[in-house]
Amino acid sequence: MVENDKIIKLLRALVEIESPSKKEEKIKEFVKKYLKDLKYEVAEGEFYIATKSNSDLIVATHLDTIPLKSEFFYDGEYAYGTGVCDAKASITAMLLAAENKLNYTLAFFRDEEEEGLGSKEFAKTWEKGKFAIVMEPTDLKIASKHWGSFELIVEIKGKEAHGAFPERGINAIERAFELYRELKKLNLNINPLKINGGSEEYIIPYFCKIKFEIFLKPEEKISDYLKKVEIVRNFGEYEIDHAYEGYISGEVVKYLEEAIKLADLPVYYTEMKSWTDALNLKDRFDVVVWGPGELETCHTKEEKIKIEDIKKAWEILNCLNSLLSFKKKPR
């Protein structure tokens, strides 16, 4: 129970510091002071902080959250609140693990929820390391396969007519629905994220803008999908944004496998479908995603984390440190 109280106290302190993207200064200073009080040297970029070390291994997560949707509370098993799982549970586990002198680097990125500026800067400027574990909610399963994705943004134009005479116009919103049906026929992993069209005036909408996210399996290429979505030209002008190909993790997976086994916990695997900082790091490091909590409720008012899962993550990070302390390279 003492460990639980310690976890809850730190987690609450982190969650009660609001840290939406681009406004992470307060939580950055909290984390930096926490590490310095533990006698770590802390390097600071414009959009990240990290402990100084010569280790080949980096454990990282992000400081920012979505804008506040719900306050912190604890029901005896789960803690709730914006950012409690994504990713302040991971920050909590990392900071508690840091109480033992760590033989790996800790990195904390800003702006993951928007442009990924922290991980972009880190990948360009950090000179040490070969392997990276990015902590995100995976239910403590090893996400050794990371999907890619891109946004497809389409502007559709129709023809205005009085609202009582839909047959005299071309409804741009209806055309957006037609486009979605056509894209679904291509068996794409597609998700409509945003639509904007029409007005309060009683007229047939002449304009509609719709944004889709299209997921790519780890082995798939964006170029293959660009050919598939050529039908969009029949509906309007379009652009591709936030395009990232996925990847499959390499040797870094062994670090986690052995640490989890050393903690006497079962090893499970999963895939990461959401964008994470790992996609900015993959060309510089052998990277894997792993961490406490379930992603499904994140970004919602129901976001939650089981305290026991943070405790397990803390123990696994300690075991990871033990592996490196004994200079036992994973086989």
Protein backbone atom coordinates (compact mmCIF):
# COMPACT_ATOMS: atom_id res chain seq x y z
CA MET A 1 0.00 0.00 0.00
CA VAL A 2 2.95 2.32 0.62
CA GLU A 3 3.97 1.91 -3.02
CA ASN A 4 0.41 2.63 -4.15
CA ASP A 5 0.29 5.81 -2.06
CA LYS A 6 3.58 6.93 -3.57
CA ILE A 7 2.34 6.29 -7.10
CA ILE A 8 -0.97 8.08 -6.51
CA LYS A 9 0.71 11.10 -4.92
CA LEU A 10 3.10 11.59 -7.85
CA LEU A 11 0.49 10.81 -10.50
CA ARG A 12 -1.94 13.29 -8.96
CA ALA A 13 0.75 15.99 -8.88
CA LEU A 14 1.50 15.43 -12.57
CA VAL A 15 -2.14 15.32 -13.69
CA GLU A 16 -3.01 18.46 -11.75
CA ILE A 17 -0.42 20.35 -13.80
CA GLU A 18 -2.34 21.14 -16.99
CA SER A 19 -0.03 20.56 -19.94
CA PRO A 20 -1.81 20.85 -23.29
CA SER A 21 0.45 20.88 -26.34
CA LYS A 22 2.59 24.03 -26.65
CA LYS A 23 1.93 24.82 -22.96
CA GLU A 24 4.14 22.26 -21.21
CA GLU A 25 6.50 24.67 -19.45
CA LYS A 26 5.21 23.98 -15.91
CA ILE A 27 5.32 20.20 -16.20
CA LYS A 28 8.71 20.37 -17.89
CA GLU A 29 10.06 22.34 -14.91
CA PHE A 30 8.44 19.87 -12.47
CA VAL A 31 10.09 16.88 -14.17
CA LYS A 32 13.42 18.66 -14.53
CA LYS A 33 13.50 19.58 -10.82
CA TYR A 34 12.49 16.04 -9.83
CA LEU A 35 15.42 14.63 -11.81
CA LYS A 36 17.90 17.22 -10.60
CA ASP A 37 16.89 16.54 -6.99
CA LEU A 38 17.88 12.92 -7.70
CA LYS A 39 21.30 14.20 -8.87
CA TYR A 40 20.81 13.65 -12.60
CA GLU A 41 22.32 16.00 -15.12
CA VAL A 42 19.53 17.17 -17.40
CA ALA A 43 20.04 18.23 -21.01
CA GLU A 44 17.45 20.57 -22.42
CA GLY A 45 16.42 21.21 -26.00
CA GLU A 46 13.78 23.61 -27.16
CA PHE A 47 11.14 20.87 -27.11
CA TYR A 48 12.54 18.11 -24.90
CA ILE A 49 14.51 17.35 -21.75
CA ALA A 50 16.65 14.25 -21.16
CA THR A 51 19.04 12.83 -18.60
CA LYS A 52 22.66 12.90 -19.73
CA SER A 53 24.17 9.46 -20.23
CA ASN A 54 26.26 7.46 -22.68
CA SER A 55 23.78 4.59 -22.75
CA ASP A 56 22.73 2.85 -25.94
CA LEU A 57 19.18 2.71 -24.57
CA ILE A 58 16.66 5.54 -24.25
CA VAL A 59 13.29 5.34 -22.50
CA ALA A 60 11.02 8.19 -23.58
CA THR A 61 7.50 9.55 -23.30
CA HIS A 62 5.67 12.84 -23.82
CA LEU A 63 4.80 15.65 -21.41
CA ASP A 64 1.78 17.12 -23.19
CA THR A 65 -1.87 16.09 -23.17
CA ILE A 66 -5.00 17.03 -25.05
CA PRO A 67 -6.91 20.03 -23.57
CA LEU A 68 -8.50 19.34 -20.18
CA LYS A 69 -11.69 17.26 -20.28
CA SER A 70 -11.84 15.81 -16.76
CA GLU A 71 -10.21 16.34 -13.36
CA PHE A 72 -8.16 13.82 -11.40
CA PHE A 73 -9.88 11.41 -9.06
CA TYR A 74 -9.13 7.94 -7.68
CA ASP A 75 -11.70 5.24 -6.91
CA GLY A 76 -9.46 2.80 -5.06
CA GLU A 77 -8.37 0.89 -8.18
CA TYR A 78 -8.29 3.31 -11.11
CA ALA A 79 -7.17 6.91 -11.39
CA TYR A 80 -9.11 9.10 -13.83
CA GLY A 81 -8.51 12.41 -15.56
CA THR A 82 -7.11 14.00 -18.69
CA GLY A 83 -3.59 12.71 -19.33
CA VAL A 84 -3.70 10.24 -16.45
CA CYS A 85 -2.99 7.38 -18.88
CA ASP A 86 -1.68 9.26 -21.92
CA ALA A 87 1.02 9.61 -20.81
CA LYS A 88 1.38 10.72 -17.19
CA ALA A 89 1.18 7.13 -15.97
CA SER A 90 4.36 6.52 -17.96
CA ILE A 91 6.00 9.68 -16.60
CA THR A 92 5.16 8.46 -13.09
CA ALA A 93 6.76 5.06 -13.66
CA MET A 94 9.86 6.66 -15.20
CA LEU A 95 10.37 9.15 -12.37
CA LEU A 96 9.91 6.49 -9.70
CA ALA A 97 12.38 4.23 -11.50
CA ALA A 98 14.81 7.17 -11.57
CA GLU A 99 15.11 6.95 -7.78
CA ASN A 100 17.56 4.14 -8.50
CA LYS A 101 20.53 5.43 -10.46
CA LEU A 102 19.57 4.53 -14.01
CA ASN A 103 21.92 3.11 -16.61
CA TYR A 104 19.75 4.31 -19.48
CA THR A 105 18.64 7.72 -20.72
CA LEU A 106 15.25 9.19 -19.85
CA ALA A 107 13.73 11.58 -22.40
CA PHE A 108 10.56 13.66 -22.16
CA PHE A 109 9.09 15.20 -25.30
CA ARG A 110 6.79 18.16 -25.79
CA ASP A 111 4.06 18.49 -28.43
CA GLU A 112 3.36 14.82 -29.14
CA GLU A 113 -0.37 15.44 -29.43
CA GLU A 114 0.05 17.99 -32.23
CA GLU A 115 3.20 18.25 -34.36
CA GLY A 116 5.66 15.97 -32.56
CA LEU A 117 8.21 18.77 -32.23
CA GLY A 118 9.97 17.20 -29.25
CA SER A 119 10.73 13.85 -30.83
CA LYS A 120 11.65 15.51 -34.13
CA GLU A 121 14.22 17.69 -32.39
CA PHE A 122 15.52 14.79 -30.29
CA ALA A 123 16.04 12.57 -33.34
CA LYS A 124 18.05 15.33 -35.02
CA THR A 125 20.17 16.46 -32.08
CA TRP A 126 20.69 13.57 -29.64
CA GLU A 127 24.06 12.01 -30.38
CA LYS A 128 24.00 8.94 -28.11
CA GLY A 129 22.00 5.75 -28.26
CA LYS A 130 20.91 3.02 -30.65
CA PHE A 131 17.67 1.80 -29.08
CA ALA A 132 14.54 3.58 -27.85
CA ILE A 133 11.49 2.48 -25.87
CA VAL A 134 8.65 4.97 -26.32
CA MET A 135 6.19 4.71 -23.45
CA GLU A 136 2.56 4.92 -24.53
CA PRO A 137 -0.52 3.00 -23.37
CA THR A 138 -0.22 -0.58 -24.71
CA ASP A 139 -1.63 -2.44 -21.68
CA LEU A 140 2.00 -3.43 -20.95
CA LYS A 141 2.13 -5.39 -24.21
CA ILE A 142 5.11 -4.95 -26.51
CA ALA A 143 3.99 -3.06 -29.62
CA SER A 144 6.69 -4.39 -31.92
CA LYS A 145 4.68 -3.49 -35.02
CA HIS A 146 3.72 0.13 -35.59
CA TRP A 147 1.19 1.13 -38.23
CA GLY A 148 1.64 4.18 -40.41
CA SER A 149 -1.04 6.58 -41.58
CA PHE A 150 -1.81 9.67 -43.59
CA GLU A 151 -4.53 12.28 -43.61
CA LEU A 152 -6.58 12.74 -46.77
CA ILE A 153 -8.21 16.18 -46.83
CA VAL A 154 -10.79 16.78 -49.57
CA GLU A 155 -12.59 19.98 -50.59
CA ILE A 156 -15.81 19.20 -52.43
CA LYS A 157 -17.83 21.78 -54.34
CA GLY A 158 -21.45 21.40 -55.34
CA LYS A 159 -24.11 23.80 -56.57
CA GLU A 160 -26.34 26.08 -54.51
CA ALA A 161 -30.13 25.98 -54.74
CA HIS A 162 -33.00 26.95 -52.47
CA GLY A 163 -33.32 24.42 -49.63
CA ALA A 164 -36.80 23.38 -50.78
CA PHE A 165 -35.45 22.29 -54.18
CA PRO A 166 -32.59 19.82 -53.55
CA GLU A 167 -33.01 18.42 -57.06
CA ARG A 168 -31.96 21.80 -58.51
CA GLY A 169 -28.61 21.82 -56.70
CA ILE A 170 -25.66 19.53 -56.03
CA ASN A 171 -25.31 18.87 -52.30
CA ALA A 172 -21.61 18.90 -51.39
CA ILE A 173 -22.28 17.07 -48.11
CA GLU A 174 -24.02 14.26 -49.98
CA ARG A 175 -21.02 14.10 -52.31
CA ALA A 176 -18.77 13.70 -49.25
CA PHE A 177 -20.89 10.74 -48.12
CA GLU A 178 -20.62 9.24 -51.62
CA LEU A 179 -16.85 9.65 -51.54
CA TYR A 180 -16.66 7.86 -48.19
CA ARG A 181 -18.69 4.94 -49.58
CA GLU A 182 -16.39 4.71 -52.61
CA LEU A 183 -13.28 4.73 -50.43
CA LYS A 184 -14.76 2.01 -48.20
CA LYS A 185 -15.20 -0.18 -51.28
CA LEU A 186 -11.40 -0.14 -51.66
CA ASN A 187 -11.07 -2.03 -48.35
CA LEU A 188 -9.04 0.76 -46.81
CA ASN A 189 -8.51 1.07 -43.07
CA ILE A 190 -10.18 4.46 -43.08
CA ASN A 191 -11.53 6.73 -40.37
CA PRO A 192 -13.46 9.98 -41.05
CA LEU A 193 -12.13 12.49 -38.52
CA LYS A 194 -13.74 15.82 -39.37
CA ILE A 195 -16.37 17.26 -41.70
CA ASN A 196 -17.38 20.87 -42.27
CA GLY A 197 -20.11 22.03 -44.62
CA GLY A 198 -23.43 23.79 -44.92
CA SER A 199 -24.69 26.85 -43.07
CA GLU A 200 -27.72 28.20 -41.20
CA GLU A 201 -29.05 29.61 -44.47
CA TYR A 202 -31.75 27.51 -46.09
CA ILE A 203 -29.76 26.53 -49.16
CA ILE A 204 -28.29 23.36 -50.60
CA PRO A 205 -24.66 23.21 -49.37
CA TYR A 206 -22.25 24.09 -52.17
CA PHE A 207 -19.07 23.35 -50.19
CA CYS A 208 -17.89 20.58 -47.87
CA LYS A 209 -14.45 19.81 -46.47
CA ILE A 210 -13.79 16.38 -45.04
CA LYS A 211 -10.70 14.87 -43.42
CA PHE A 212 -10.02 11.14 -43.39
CA GLU A 213 -7.24 9.21 -41.71
CA ILE A 214 -6.06 6.17 -43.64
CA PHE A 215 -4.05 3.54 -41.76
CA LEU A 216 -1.16 1.62 -43.30
CA LYS A 217 -0.03 -1.77 -42.05
CA PRO A 218 3.64 -1.83 -40.97
CA GLU A 219 4.84 -3.32 -44.27
CA GLU A 220 2.75 -1.08 -46.55
CA LYS A 221 3.99 1.95 -48.50
CA ILE A 222 2.27 5.30 -48.89
CA SER A 223 2.98 5.26 -52.63
CA ASP A 224 0.72 2.22 -53.04
CA TYR A 225 -2.16 4.06 -51.38
CA LEU A 226 -1.77 7.21 -53.45
CA LYS A 227 -2.74 5.17 -56.50
CA LYS A 228 -5.77 3.75 -54.68
CA VAL A 229 -7.18 7.16 -53.75
CA GLU A 230 -7.01 8.60 -57.28
CA ILE A 231 -10.83 8.37 -57.37
CA VAL A 232 -10.88 11.40 -55.06
CA ARG A 233 -10.15 13.57 -58.11
CA ASN A 234 -13.70 12.86 -59.26
CA PHE A 235 -15.06 14.60 -56.16
CA GLY A 236 -12.82 17.61 -55.64
CA GLU A 237 -9.39 18.91 -54.77
CA TYR A 238 -7.41 17.05 -52.14
CA GLU A 239 -4.17 17.09 -50.20
CA ILE A 240 -2.16 14.53 -48.24
CA ASP A 241 -0.87 15.51 -44.81
CA HIS A 242 0.90 13.91 -41.82
CA ALA A 243 2.08 10.96 -43.90
CA TYR A 244 4.13 8.32 -42.08
CA GLU A 245 4.98 4.75 -42.98
CA GLY A 246 5.02 2.14 -40.22
CA TYR A 247 7.82 -0.16 -39.15
CA ILE A 248 8.66 -3.40 -37.36
CA SER A 249 10.92 -3.20 -34.30
CA GLY A 250 14.25 -5.00 -34.21
CA GLU A 251 16.64 -6.00 -31.45
CA VAL A 252 15.21 -3.45 -28.98
CA VAL A 253 12.30 -5.85 -28.35
CA LYS A 254 14.71 -8.19 -26.53
CA TYR A 255 15.41 -5.55 -23.88
CA LEU A 256 11.74 -5.43 -22.96
CA GLU A 257 11.21 -9.18 -23.21
CA GLU A 258 14.01 -9.91 -20.74
CA ALA A 259 13.04 -7.10 -18.36
CA ILE A 260 9.42 -8.32 -18.26
CA LYS A 261 10.57 -11.89 -17.62
CA LEU A 262 12.92 -10.68 -14.88
CA ALA A 263 9.91 -8.96 -13.27
CA ASP A 264 8.19 -12.38 -13.33
CA LEU A 265 5.42 -11.10 -15.59
CA PRO A 266 4.04 -12.60 -18.82
CA VAL A 267 5.26 -11.26 -22.16
CA TYR A 268 2.52 -10.25 -24.61
CA TYR A 269 2.68 -8.51 -27.98
CA THR A 270 0.42 -6.07 -29.79
CA GLU A 271 0.42 -3.53 -32.62
CA MET A 272 0.28 0.26 -32.34
CA LYS A 273 -2.19 1.87 -34.74
CA SER A 274 -2.06 5.41 -33.38
CA TRP A 275 0.58 7.97 -34.30
CA THR A 276 3.30 8.16 -31.63
CA ASP A 277 6.69 9.81 -31.22
CA ALA A 278 8.20 6.50 -32.30
CA LEU A 279 7.48 7.42 -35.93
CA ASN A 280 9.76 10.44 -35.61
CA LEU A 281 12.48 8.30 -34.01
CA LYS A 282 12.40 5.19 -36.22
CA ASP A 283 14.94 6.42 -38.77
CA ARG A 284 17.46 7.25 -36.03
CA PHE A 285 16.87 4.47 -33.48
CA ASP A 286 15.65 0.89 -33.30
CA VAL A 287 12.41 1.76 -31.50
CA VAL A 288 9.51 -0.03 -29.82
CA VAL A 289 6.34 1.22 -28.09
CA TRP A 290 5.28 -0.06 -24.68
CA GLY A 291 3.66 1.22 -21.50
CA PRO A 292 0.88 1.03 -18.90
CA GLY A 293 -2.79 1.65 -19.60
CA GLU A 294 -5.27 1.03 -22.39
CA LEU A 295 -5.37 3.46 -25.30
CA GLU A 296 -9.09 3.03 -26.00
CA THR A 297 -10.29 5.49 -23.34
CA CYS A 298 -7.52 8.05 -23.86
CA HIS A 299 -8.56 11.46 -25.27
CA THR A 300 -12.01 10.96 -23.72
CA LYS A 301 -13.68 11.99 -20.45
CA GLU A 302 -13.40 8.35 -19.36
CA GLU A 303 -9.58 8.22 -19.55
CA LYS A 304 -8.28 6.00 -16.75
CA ILE A 305 -5.31 3.99 -15.51
CA LYS A 306 -5.10 1.08 -13.07
CA ILE A 307 -2.57 1.92 -10.34
CA GLU A 308 -1.40 -1.69 -10.36
CA ASP A 309 -0.32 -1.26 -14.00
CA ILE A 310 1.88 1.71 -13.11
CA LYS A 311 3.44 -0.39 -10.36
CA LYS A 312 4.18 -3.14 -12.90
CA ALA A 313 5.69 -0.64 -15.35
CA TRP A 314 7.87 0.75 -12.55
CA GLU A 315 9.08 -2.75 -11.68
CA ILE A 316 9.84 -3.55 -15.34
CA LEU A 317 11.84 -0.32 -15.69
CA ASN A 318 13.79 -1.32 -12.57
CA CYS A 319 14.45 -4.75 -14.07
CA LEU A 320 15.56 -3.11 -17.31
CA ASN A 321 18.07 -1.15 -15.27
CA SER A 322 19.28 -4.33 -13.56
CA LEU A 323 19.93 -5.94 -16.94
CA LEU A 324 22.09 -3.01 -17.98
CA SER A 325 23.79 -2.84 -14.56
CA PHE A 326 25.00 -6.40 -14.97
CA LYS A 327 26.09 -5.51 -18.53
CA LYS A 328 23.93 -8.38 -19.63
CA LYS A 329 23.09 -7.64 -23.25
CA PRO A 330 19.79 -9.22 -24.26
CA ARG A 331 20.23 -12.35 -26.35
